[in-house]
């Protein structure tokens, strides 16, 4: 809800109040204010709107997730780099069912900005592989699937990766159809 700089200012103010409470021998108040100030630091690195959009997306509520993401007006200035990556990652997940070209742009931007969890990075690369496969770029899709497999250390995406590899093999084994004029 707050800009990243405002969160840092609030952290400094609350921490200053905590120090003042410690100097005033109000140790309990000081400890509570230190804990309160830590909330602002956590929210600096983990944006609350992106967390709420993730929760909506887990419930398959795409409209609700989009409403939360729309509250971020200028992601370049309001979010740190990793949060911008997740902002684009969430947009890519939401539009991947309707607009592959737009989803591809979002996923590529999310990967370039960085995602903090390897599983999320693997998921983004797996989605890019699916888009590349749909656009008949088999070599790129195969490379992205291999990268996704390396990143998926806990085998959470193992089934999806195997399924996509099977689909690629089926597509490779299908006879090519020739349209138009040619030799007979």
N, C-alpha and C. Protein backbone atom coordinates (compact mmCIF):
# COMPACT_ATOMS: atom_id res chain seq x y z
N UNK A 1 0.82 -1.18 0.00
CA UNK A 1 0.00 0.00 0.00
C UNK A 1 0.87 1.26 0.00
N UNK A 2 2.00 1.19 0.71
CA UNK A 2 2.89 2.33 0.79
C UNK A 2 4.04 2.17 -0.20
N UNK A 3 4.56 3.28 -0.62
CA UNK A 3 5.74 3.28 -1.46
C UNK A 3 6.91 2.70 -0.66
N UNK A 4 7.87 2.11 -1.38
CA UNK A 4 9.00 1.46 -0.69
C UNK A 4 9.79 2.46 0.17
N UNK A 5 9.89 3.71 -0.26
CA UNK A 5 10.63 4.71 0.52
C UNK A 5 9.89 5.10 1.79
N UNK A 6 8.57 5.14 1.72
CA UNK A 6 7.77 5.46 2.90
C UNK A 6 7.94 4.37 3.95
N UNK A 7 8.04 3.12 3.51
CA UNK A 7 8.24 2.01 4.45
C UNK A 7 9.57 2.16 5.19
N UNK A 8 10.60 2.60 4.49
CA UNK A 8 11.89 2.81 5.15
C UNK A 8 11.83 3.97 6.14
N UNK A 9 11.11 5.03 5.78
CA UNK A 9 10.96 6.17 6.69
C UNK A 9 10.19 5.74 7.93
N UNK A 10 9.11 4.99 7.75
CA UNK A 10 8.34 4.51 8.90
C UNK A 10 9.19 3.60 9.79
N UNK A 11 10.03 2.77 9.17
CA UNK A 11 10.94 1.91 9.94
C UNK A 11 11.86 2.76 10.80
N UNK A 12 12.44 3.79 10.20
CA UNK A 12 13.37 4.65 10.95
C UNK A 12 12.67 5.38 12.09
N UNK A 13 11.46 5.87 11.84
CA UNK A 13 10.72 6.59 12.88
C UNK A 13 10.39 5.66 14.05
N UNK A 14 9.85 4.48 13.73
CA UNK A 14 9.46 3.56 14.79
C UNK A 14 10.69 3.06 15.55
N UNK A 15 11.79 2.81 14.83
CA UNK A 15 13.02 2.39 15.50
C UNK A 15 13.56 3.51 16.40
N UNK A 16 13.45 4.76 15.94
CA UNK A 16 13.85 5.89 16.77
C UNK A 16 13.01 5.98 18.04
N UNK A 17 11.71 5.73 17.90
CA UNK A 17 10.84 5.71 19.08
C UNK A 17 11.24 4.57 20.03
N UNK A 18 11.64 3.45 19.47
CA UNK A 18 12.07 2.32 20.30
C UNK A 18 13.32 2.68 21.09
N UNK A 19 14.27 3.32 20.44
CA UNK A 19 15.50 3.75 21.14
C UNK A 19 15.15 4.73 22.25
N UNK A 20 14.24 5.66 21.97
CA UNK A 20 13.81 6.62 22.98
C UNK A 20 13.18 5.90 24.18
N UNK A 21 12.37 4.86 23.91
CA UNK A 21 11.75 4.09 24.99
C UNK A 21 12.81 3.35 25.81
N UNK A 22 13.83 2.83 25.15
CA UNK A 22 14.91 2.15 25.87
C UNK A 22 15.66 3.15 26.78
N UNK A 23 15.94 4.34 26.24
CA UNK A 23 16.62 5.36 27.03
C UNK A 23 15.77 5.79 28.22
N UNK A 24 14.46 5.81 28.02
CA UNK A 24 13.51 6.20 29.08
C UNK A 24 13.23 5.05 30.05
N UNK A 25 13.93 3.95 29.90
CA UNK A 25 13.80 2.76 30.75
C UNK A 25 12.42 2.09 30.63
N UNK A 26 11.80 2.24 29.47
CA UNK A 26 10.54 1.54 29.17
C UNK A 26 10.89 0.39 28.22
N UNK A 27 11.50 -0.65 28.78
CA UNK A 27 12.06 -1.74 27.99
C UNK A 27 10.96 -2.49 27.22
N UNK A 28 9.83 -2.75 27.87
CA UNK A 28 8.73 -3.47 27.20
C UNK A 28 8.22 -2.73 25.99
N UNK A 29 8.02 -1.41 26.14
CA UNK A 29 7.58 -0.59 25.00
C UNK A 29 8.64 -0.59 23.89
N UNK A 30 9.89 -0.51 24.28
CA UNK A 30 10.98 -0.50 23.30
C UNK A 30 11.03 -1.80 22.50
N UNK A 31 10.85 -2.93 23.18
CA UNK A 31 10.87 -4.21 22.48
C UNK A 31 9.70 -4.31 21.50
N UNK A 32 8.52 -3.87 21.93
CA UNK A 32 7.36 -3.90 21.05
C UNK A 32 7.56 -3.00 19.83
N UNK A 33 8.17 -1.84 20.02
CA UNK A 33 8.41 -0.94 18.90
C UNK A 33 9.47 -1.50 17.95
N UNK A 34 10.47 -2.20 18.48
CA UNK A 34 11.46 -2.85 17.61
C UNK A 34 10.77 -3.90 16.75
N UNK A 35 9.90 -4.70 17.36
CA UNK A 35 9.16 -5.72 16.60
C UNK A 35 8.25 -5.07 15.56
N UNK A 36 7.62 -3.97 15.92
CA UNK A 36 6.77 -3.25 14.98
C UNK A 36 7.59 -2.71 13.81
N UNK A 37 8.78 -2.22 14.09
CA UNK A 37 9.63 -1.68 13.03
C UNK A 37 10.07 -2.78 12.07
N UNK A 38 10.22 -4.00 12.58
CA UNK A 38 10.62 -5.11 11.71
C UNK A 38 9.54 -5.44 10.68
N UNK A 39 8.30 -5.16 11.01
CA UNK A 39 7.21 -5.39 10.05
C UNK A 39 7.42 -4.53 8.81
N UNK A 40 7.86 -3.29 8.99
CA UNK A 40 8.08 -2.41 7.85
C UNK A 40 9.24 -2.89 6.98
N UNK A 41 10.24 -3.49 7.59
CA UNK A 41 11.36 -4.04 6.81
C UNK A 41 10.90 -5.26 6.01
N UNK A 42 10.12 -6.12 6.65
CA UNK A 42 9.59 -7.29 5.94
C UNK A 42 8.74 -6.84 4.76
N UNK A 43 7.89 -5.84 4.97
CA UNK A 43 7.03 -5.36 3.89
C UNK A 43 7.82 -4.61 2.82
N UNK A 44 9.01 -4.14 3.15
CA UNK A 44 9.87 -3.54 2.13
C UNK A 44 10.31 -4.59 1.13
N UNK A 45 10.69 -5.78 1.63
CA UNK A 45 11.18 -6.83 0.75
C UNK A 45 10.08 -7.73 0.21
N UNK A 46 8.97 -7.83 0.89
CA UNK A 46 7.83 -8.65 0.45
C UNK A 46 6.61 -7.74 0.37
N UNK A 47 6.31 -7.27 -0.81
CA UNK A 47 5.22 -6.32 -0.98
C UNK A 47 3.88 -6.95 -0.63
N UNK A 48 3.11 -6.26 0.19
CA UNK A 48 1.84 -6.80 0.68
C UNK A 48 0.81 -6.98 -0.43
N UNK A 49 0.81 -6.13 -1.42
CA UNK A 49 -0.16 -6.25 -2.51
C UNK A 49 0.15 -7.47 -3.36
N UNK A 50 1.42 -7.73 -3.61
CA UNK A 50 1.80 -8.91 -4.40
C UNK A 50 1.45 -10.18 -3.62
N UNK A 51 1.62 -10.17 -2.32
CA UNK A 51 1.26 -11.33 -1.50
C UNK A 51 -0.25 -11.58 -1.59
N UNK A 52 -1.04 -10.51 -1.49
CA UNK A 52 -2.50 -10.67 -1.58
C UNK A 52 -2.93 -11.13 -2.97
N UNK A 53 -2.24 -10.66 -4.02
CA UNK A 53 -2.55 -11.12 -5.37
C UNK A 53 -2.20 -12.60 -5.53
N UNK A 54 -1.08 -13.04 -4.95
CA UNK A 54 -0.71 -14.46 -4.96
C UNK A 54 -1.80 -15.31 -4.30
N UNK A 55 -2.31 -14.84 -3.16
CA UNK A 55 -3.36 -15.59 -2.46
C UNK A 55 -4.62 -15.69 -3.30
N UNK A 56 -4.98 -14.63 -4.00
CA UNK A 56 -6.14 -14.67 -4.89
C UNK A 56 -5.91 -15.63 -6.05
N UNK A 57 -4.70 -15.62 -6.56
CA UNK A 57 -4.37 -16.49 -7.70
C UNK A 57 -4.40 -17.96 -7.29
N UNK A 58 -4.01 -18.26 -6.06
CA UNK A 58 -4.07 -19.65 -5.58
C UNK A 58 -5.50 -20.16 -5.52
N UNK A 59 -6.45 -19.24 -5.32
CA UNK A 59 -7.86 -19.62 -5.30
C UNK A 59 -8.50 -19.56 -6.68
N UNK A 60 -7.67 -19.38 -7.72
CA UNK A 60 -8.12 -19.26 -9.11
C UNK A 60 -9.03 -18.05 -9.32
N UNK A 61 -8.87 -17.03 -8.51
CA UNK A 61 -9.64 -15.80 -8.63
C UNK A 61 -8.80 -14.79 -9.42
N UNK A 62 -8.84 -14.91 -10.74
CA UNK A 62 -8.02 -14.06 -11.59
C UNK A 62 -8.46 -12.59 -11.52
N UNK A 63 -9.77 -12.36 -11.43
CA UNK A 63 -10.26 -10.98 -11.34
C UNK A 63 -9.80 -10.32 -10.04
N UNK A 64 -9.87 -11.06 -8.94
CA UNK A 64 -9.43 -10.51 -7.66
C UNK A 64 -7.94 -10.22 -7.66
N UNK A 65 -7.15 -11.13 -8.25
CA UNK A 65 -5.70 -10.91 -8.33
C UNK A 65 -5.40 -9.69 -9.20
N UNK A 66 -6.14 -9.55 -10.29
CA UNK A 66 -5.93 -8.39 -11.16
C UNK A 66 -6.28 -7.09 -10.45
N UNK A 67 -7.34 -7.12 -9.63
CA UNK A 67 -7.71 -5.91 -8.87
C UNK A 67 -6.59 -5.51 -7.91
N UNK A 68 -5.98 -6.50 -7.25
CA UNK A 68 -4.88 -6.18 -6.34
C UNK A 68 -3.69 -5.63 -7.11
N UNK A 69 -3.35 -6.25 -8.24
CA UNK A 69 -2.20 -5.78 -9.01
C UNK A 69 -2.45 -4.40 -9.62
N UNK A 70 -3.71 -4.09 -9.92
CA UNK A 70 -4.02 -2.77 -10.47
C UNK A 70 -3.81 -1.66 -9.45
N UNK A 71 -3.73 -2.01 -8.18
CA UNK A 71 -3.49 -0.99 -7.14
C UNK A 71 -2.05 -0.48 -7.19
N UNK A 72 -1.17 -1.22 -7.84
CA UNK A 72 0.21 -0.77 -8.00
C UNK A 72 0.25 0.06 -9.28
N UNK A 73 0.32 1.36 -9.12
CA UNK A 73 0.23 2.27 -10.27
C UNK A 73 1.52 2.33 -11.08
N UNK A 74 2.66 2.46 -10.41
CA UNK A 74 3.93 2.59 -11.11
C UNK A 74 4.91 1.58 -10.51
N UNK A 75 4.94 0.34 -11.04
CA UNK A 75 5.76 -0.70 -10.41
C UNK A 75 7.26 -0.39 -10.41
N UNK A 76 7.74 0.38 -11.38
CA UNK A 76 9.18 0.66 -11.44
C UNK A 76 9.65 1.48 -10.24
N UNK A 77 8.81 2.39 -9.75
CA UNK A 77 9.23 3.22 -8.63
C UNK A 77 8.70 2.69 -7.29
N UNK A 78 7.57 1.97 -7.33
CA UNK A 78 6.96 1.53 -6.07
C UNK A 78 7.54 0.21 -5.57
N UNK A 79 8.18 -0.57 -6.43
CA UNK A 79 8.64 -1.90 -6.05
C UNK A 79 10.15 -2.04 -6.25
N UNK A 80 10.76 -2.90 -5.44
CA UNK A 80 12.17 -3.21 -5.68
C UNK A 80 12.24 -4.21 -6.84
N UNK A 81 13.44 -4.49 -7.31
CA UNK A 81 13.63 -5.26 -8.54
C UNK A 81 12.96 -6.65 -8.49
N UNK A 82 13.16 -7.40 -7.43
CA UNK A 82 12.56 -8.74 -7.32
C UNK A 82 11.04 -8.66 -7.29
N UNK A 83 10.50 -7.64 -6.64
CA UNK A 83 9.05 -7.47 -6.61
C UNK A 83 8.51 -7.15 -7.99
N UNK A 84 9.27 -6.39 -8.77
CA UNK A 84 8.87 -6.12 -10.15
C UNK A 84 8.84 -7.42 -10.95
N UNK A 85 9.80 -8.31 -10.66
CA UNK A 85 9.81 -9.62 -11.31
C UNK A 85 8.55 -10.41 -10.99
N UNK A 86 8.15 -10.41 -9.73
CA UNK A 86 6.93 -11.12 -9.34
C UNK A 86 5.69 -10.43 -9.88
N UNK A 87 5.71 -9.13 -9.99
CA UNK A 87 4.60 -8.38 -10.59
C UNK A 87 4.38 -8.86 -12.02
N UNK A 88 5.46 -8.95 -12.79
CA UNK A 88 5.36 -9.42 -14.17
C UNK A 88 5.03 -10.90 -14.24
N UNK A 89 5.57 -11.68 -13.32
CA UNK A 89 5.28 -13.12 -13.26
C UNK A 89 3.78 -13.36 -13.05
N UNK A 90 3.19 -12.63 -12.12
CA UNK A 90 1.75 -12.78 -11.87
C UNK A 90 0.92 -12.35 -13.07
N UNK A 91 1.31 -11.27 -13.71
CA UNK A 91 0.60 -10.85 -14.92
C UNK A 91 0.72 -11.92 -16.01
N UNK A 92 1.91 -12.49 -16.14
CA UNK A 92 2.10 -13.55 -17.14
C UNK A 92 1.22 -14.76 -16.87
N UNK A 93 1.12 -15.15 -15.60
CA UNK A 93 0.25 -16.28 -15.25
C UNK A 93 -1.21 -15.98 -15.58
N UNK A 94 -1.62 -14.76 -15.35
CA UNK A 94 -3.03 -14.42 -15.57
C UNK A 94 -3.38 -14.33 -17.05
N UNK A 95 -2.49 -13.82 -17.88
CA UNK A 95 -2.83 -13.67 -19.30
C UNK A 95 -2.38 -14.86 -20.14
N UNK A 96 -1.73 -15.84 -19.54
CA UNK A 96 -1.23 -16.98 -20.32
C UNK A 96 -2.35 -17.79 -20.95
N UNK A 97 -3.54 -17.75 -20.38
CA UNK A 97 -4.66 -18.51 -20.94
C UNK A 97 -5.31 -17.79 -22.12
N UNK A 98 -5.13 -16.50 -22.21
CA UNK A 98 -5.84 -15.73 -23.24
C UNK A 98 -4.92 -15.12 -24.30
N UNK A 99 -3.74 -14.68 -23.93
CA UNK A 99 -2.88 -13.95 -24.86
C UNK A 99 -1.44 -14.43 -24.70
N UNK A 100 -1.03 -15.35 -25.56
CA UNK A 100 0.31 -15.93 -25.44
C UNK A 100 1.41 -14.91 -25.68
N UNK A 101 1.23 -13.99 -26.63
CA UNK A 101 2.27 -13.01 -26.92
C UNK A 101 2.52 -12.10 -25.72
N UNK A 102 1.44 -11.64 -25.09
CA UNK A 102 1.57 -10.78 -23.92
C UNK A 102 2.18 -11.57 -22.76
N UNK A 103 1.74 -12.82 -22.58
CA UNK A 103 2.27 -13.65 -21.50
C UNK A 103 3.77 -13.88 -21.69
N UNK A 104 4.19 -14.10 -22.92
CA UNK A 104 5.61 -14.32 -23.20
C UNK A 104 6.43 -13.09 -22.79
N UNK A 105 5.93 -11.90 -23.09
CA UNK A 105 6.64 -10.67 -22.71
C UNK A 105 6.75 -10.56 -21.19
N UNK A 106 5.63 -10.84 -20.50
CA UNK A 106 5.64 -10.75 -19.04
C UNK A 106 6.61 -11.76 -18.43
N UNK A 107 6.60 -13.01 -18.92
CA UNK A 107 7.49 -14.03 -18.35
C UNK A 107 8.96 -13.69 -18.62
N UNK A 108 9.27 -13.23 -19.82
CA UNK A 108 10.66 -12.87 -20.13
C UNK A 108 11.13 -11.70 -19.25
N UNK A 109 10.25 -10.73 -19.03
CA UNK A 109 10.62 -9.60 -18.18
C UNK A 109 10.80 -10.05 -16.73
N UNK A 110 9.93 -10.98 -16.27
CA UNK A 110 10.05 -11.49 -14.91
C UNK A 110 11.36 -12.23 -14.72
N UNK A 111 11.76 -13.01 -15.71
CA UNK A 111 13.02 -13.75 -15.62
C UNK A 111 14.20 -12.79 -15.64
N UNK A 112 14.13 -11.75 -16.47
CA UNK A 112 15.25 -10.80 -16.54
C UNK A 112 15.37 -9.98 -15.24
N UNK A 113 14.24 -9.66 -14.61
CA UNK A 113 14.28 -8.92 -13.34
C UNK A 113 14.68 -9.82 -12.18
N UNK A 114 14.35 -11.08 -12.27
CA UNK A 114 14.72 -12.03 -11.24
C UNK A 114 13.56 -12.40 -10.34
N UNK A 115 13.52 -13.66 -9.99
CA UNK A 115 12.55 -14.20 -9.05
C UNK A 115 13.35 -14.86 -7.94
N UNK A 116 12.92 -14.68 -6.71
CA UNK A 116 13.74 -15.14 -5.59
C UNK A 116 13.67 -16.65 -5.36
N UNK A 117 12.61 -17.30 -5.79
CA UNK A 117 12.49 -18.75 -5.57
C UNK A 117 12.75 -19.49 -6.88
N UNK A 118 13.55 -20.55 -6.79
CA UNK A 118 13.87 -21.35 -7.97
C UNK A 118 12.63 -21.99 -8.58
N UNK A 119 11.67 -22.37 -7.74
CA UNK A 119 10.46 -23.00 -8.25
C UNK A 119 9.66 -22.02 -9.10
N UNK A 120 9.60 -20.76 -8.69
CA UNK A 120 8.90 -19.75 -9.47
C UNK A 120 9.61 -19.51 -10.80
N UNK A 121 10.94 -19.49 -10.75
CA UNK A 121 11.72 -19.33 -11.98
C UNK A 121 11.50 -20.51 -12.91
N UNK A 122 11.46 -21.72 -12.34
CA UNK A 122 11.21 -22.92 -13.15
C UNK A 122 9.82 -22.86 -13.77
N UNK A 123 8.84 -22.40 -13.01
CA UNK A 123 7.47 -22.28 -13.52
C UNK A 123 7.40 -21.28 -14.67
N UNK A 124 8.10 -20.16 -14.53
CA UNK A 124 8.12 -19.15 -15.60
C UNK A 124 8.77 -19.73 -16.86
N UNK A 125 9.87 -20.45 -16.69
CA UNK A 125 10.54 -21.04 -17.85
C UNK A 125 9.70 -22.14 -18.47
N UNK A 126 8.98 -22.90 -17.64
CA UNK A 126 8.11 -23.94 -18.18
C UNK A 126 6.96 -23.32 -18.98
N UNK A 127 6.40 -22.23 -18.49
CA UNK A 127 5.36 -21.54 -19.25
C UNK A 127 5.91 -20.98 -20.56
N UNK A 128 7.12 -20.44 -20.51
CA UNK A 128 7.75 -19.96 -21.75
C UNK A 128 7.99 -21.11 -22.72
N UNK A 129 8.34 -22.28 -22.19
CA UNK A 129 8.54 -23.45 -23.05
C UNK A 129 7.22 -23.84 -23.72
N UNK A 130 6.13 -23.79 -22.98
CA UNK A 130 4.83 -24.09 -23.56
C UNK A 130 4.45 -23.10 -24.65
N UNK A 131 4.76 -21.85 -24.44
CA UNK A 131 4.47 -20.82 -25.46
C UNK A 131 5.35 -21.05 -26.68
N UNK A 132 6.63 -21.36 -26.46
CA UNK A 132 7.55 -21.62 -27.58
C UNK A 132 7.10 -22.85 -28.35
N UNK A 133 6.63 -23.87 -27.65
CA UNK A 133 6.15 -25.08 -28.31
C UNK A 133 4.91 -24.77 -29.15
N UNK A 134 4.02 -23.95 -28.63
CA UNK A 134 2.81 -23.58 -29.37
C UNK A 134 3.16 -22.75 -30.61
N UNK A 135 4.26 -22.01 -30.54
CA UNK A 135 4.69 -21.21 -31.68
C UNK A 135 5.64 -21.97 -32.59
N UNK A 136 5.77 -23.28 -32.35
CA UNK A 136 6.58 -24.19 -33.18
C UNK A 136 8.07 -23.86 -33.12
N UNK A 137 8.55 -23.44 -31.95
CA UNK A 137 9.98 -23.21 -31.73
C UNK A 137 10.47 -24.31 -30.79
N UNK A 138 10.64 -25.50 -31.36
CA UNK A 138 10.92 -26.70 -30.57
C UNK A 138 12.27 -26.65 -29.86
N UNK A 139 13.27 -26.13 -30.50
CA UNK A 139 14.60 -26.08 -29.91
C UNK A 139 14.61 -25.18 -28.66
N UNK A 140 13.97 -24.03 -28.79
CA UNK A 140 13.88 -23.11 -27.66
C UNK A 140 13.06 -23.74 -26.52
N UNK A 141 11.96 -24.41 -26.88
CA UNK A 141 11.11 -25.06 -25.87
C UNK A 141 11.89 -26.14 -25.13
N UNK A 142 12.67 -26.92 -25.86
CA UNK A 142 13.46 -27.99 -25.24
C UNK A 142 14.51 -27.42 -24.28
N UNK A 143 15.16 -26.34 -24.71
CA UNK A 143 16.17 -25.70 -23.87
C UNK A 143 15.53 -25.15 -22.59
N UNK A 144 14.37 -24.50 -22.72
CA UNK A 144 13.68 -23.94 -21.55
C UNK A 144 13.21 -25.03 -20.61
N UNK A 145 12.76 -26.15 -21.15
CA UNK A 145 12.33 -27.27 -20.30
C UNK A 145 13.51 -27.85 -19.52
N UNK A 146 14.67 -27.93 -20.16
CA UNK A 146 15.86 -28.43 -19.46
C UNK A 146 16.25 -27.49 -18.32
N UNK A 147 16.18 -26.19 -18.58
CA UNK A 147 16.49 -25.22 -17.53
C UNK A 147 15.48 -25.31 -16.38
N UNK A 148 14.21 -25.49 -16.74
CA UNK A 148 13.17 -25.61 -15.71
C UNK A 148 13.40 -26.86 -14.87
N UNK A 149 13.81 -27.94 -15.51
CA UNK A 149 14.08 -29.20 -14.79
C UNK A 149 15.24 -29.01 -13.81
N UNK A 150 16.29 -28.28 -14.21
CA UNK A 150 17.42 -28.02 -13.31
C UNK A 150 17.01 -27.18 -12.11
N UNK A 151 16.11 -26.21 -12.35
CA UNK A 151 15.69 -25.31 -11.27
C UNK A 151 14.71 -25.97 -10.31
N UNK A 152 14.00 -26.99 -10.77
CA UNK A 152 12.99 -27.65 -9.95
C UNK A 152 13.67 -28.70 -9.07
N UNK A 153 14.28 -28.25 -7.99
CA UNK A 153 15.06 -29.13 -7.12
C UNK A 153 14.19 -30.04 -6.26
N UNK A 154 12.95 -29.65 -5.99
CA UNK A 154 12.07 -30.45 -5.15
C UNK A 154 11.07 -31.27 -5.98
N UNK A 155 11.27 -31.31 -7.29
CA UNK A 155 10.43 -32.06 -8.22
C UNK A 155 8.95 -31.71 -8.10
N UNK A 156 8.66 -30.46 -7.86
CA UNK A 156 7.27 -30.02 -7.77
C UNK A 156 6.63 -29.92 -9.15
N UNK A 157 7.41 -29.67 -10.16
CA UNK A 157 6.89 -29.51 -11.52
C UNK A 157 7.24 -30.70 -12.40
N UNK A 158 7.67 -31.79 -11.78
CA UNK A 158 8.15 -32.96 -12.51
C UNK A 158 7.09 -33.51 -13.48
N UNK A 159 5.86 -33.64 -13.00
CA UNK A 159 4.79 -34.20 -13.84
C UNK A 159 4.50 -33.30 -15.05
N UNK A 160 4.43 -31.99 -14.82
CA UNK A 160 4.15 -31.08 -15.92
C UNK A 160 5.27 -31.08 -16.95
N UNK A 161 6.51 -31.16 -16.48
CA UNK A 161 7.65 -31.17 -17.40
C UNK A 161 7.63 -32.45 -18.23
N UNK A 162 7.37 -33.58 -17.58
CA UNK A 162 7.28 -34.85 -18.33
C UNK A 162 6.16 -34.81 -19.35
N UNK A 163 5.03 -34.24 -18.97
CA UNK A 163 3.90 -34.15 -19.89
C UNK A 163 4.25 -33.28 -21.09
N UNK A 164 4.93 -32.16 -20.85
CA UNK A 164 5.31 -31.28 -21.97
C UNK A 164 6.34 -31.94 -22.88
N UNK A 165 7.28 -32.70 -22.28
CA UNK A 165 8.25 -33.42 -23.11
C UNK A 165 7.56 -34.48 -23.97
N UNK A 166 6.56 -35.14 -23.39
CA UNK A 166 5.78 -36.12 -24.15
C UNK A 166 5.04 -35.47 -25.30
N UNK A 167 4.48 -34.31 -25.07
CA UNK A 167 3.78 -33.59 -26.13
C UNK A 167 4.75 -33.16 -27.23
N UNK A 168 5.97 -32.78 -26.83
CA UNK A 168 6.98 -32.40 -27.82
C UNK A 168 7.37 -33.59 -28.68
N UNK A 169 7.50 -34.78 -28.06
CA UNK A 169 7.84 -35.98 -28.82
C UNK A 169 6.72 -36.34 -29.79
N UNK A 170 5.47 -36.22 -29.34
CA UNK A 170 4.35 -36.50 -30.23
C UNK A 170 4.34 -35.55 -31.40
N UNK A 171 4.61 -34.28 -31.15
CA UNK A 171 4.62 -33.29 -32.22
C UNK A 171 5.77 -33.55 -33.19
N UNK A 172 6.89 -34.04 -32.68
CA UNK A 172 8.04 -34.33 -33.55
C UNK A 172 7.80 -35.56 -34.41
N UNK A 173 7.01 -36.51 -33.92
CA UNK A 173 6.76 -37.74 -34.65
C UNK A 173 5.60 -37.65 -35.62
N UNK A 174 4.85 -36.57 -35.56
CA UNK A 174 3.72 -36.42 -36.47
C UNK A 174 4.23 -36.16 -37.87
N UNK A 175 3.59 -36.78 -38.89
CA UNK A 175 4.03 -36.54 -40.27
C UNK A 175 3.73 -35.10 -40.67
N UNK A 176 4.65 -34.54 -41.42
CA UNK A 176 4.48 -33.17 -41.86
C UNK A 176 3.51 -33.16 -43.04
N UNK A 177 2.60 -32.22 -43.01
CA UNK A 177 1.63 -32.10 -44.09
C UNK A 177 2.10 -31.01 -45.03
N UNK A 178 1.94 -31.27 -46.29
CA UNK A 178 2.34 -30.29 -47.30
C UNK A 178 1.07 -29.68 -47.89
N UNK A 179 1.04 -28.39 -47.93
CA UNK A 179 -0.08 -27.68 -48.49
C UNK A 179 0.36 -26.96 -49.74
N UNK A 180 -0.55 -26.77 -50.62
CA UNK A 180 -0.23 -26.03 -51.84
C UNK A 180 0.37 -26.93 -52.90
N UNK A 181 0.95 -26.30 -53.89
CA UNK A 181 1.54 -27.04 -55.00
C UNK A 181 2.91 -27.56 -54.64
N UNK A 182 3.24 -28.64 -55.22
CA UNK A 182 4.55 -29.23 -55.01
C UNK A 182 4.70 -30.39 -55.97
N UNK A 183 5.74 -31.14 -55.82
CA UNK A 183 5.96 -32.31 -56.67
C UNK A 183 4.94 -33.38 -56.34
N UNK A 184 4.56 -34.07 -57.36
CA UNK A 184 3.65 -35.20 -57.16
C UNK A 184 4.22 -36.43 -57.77
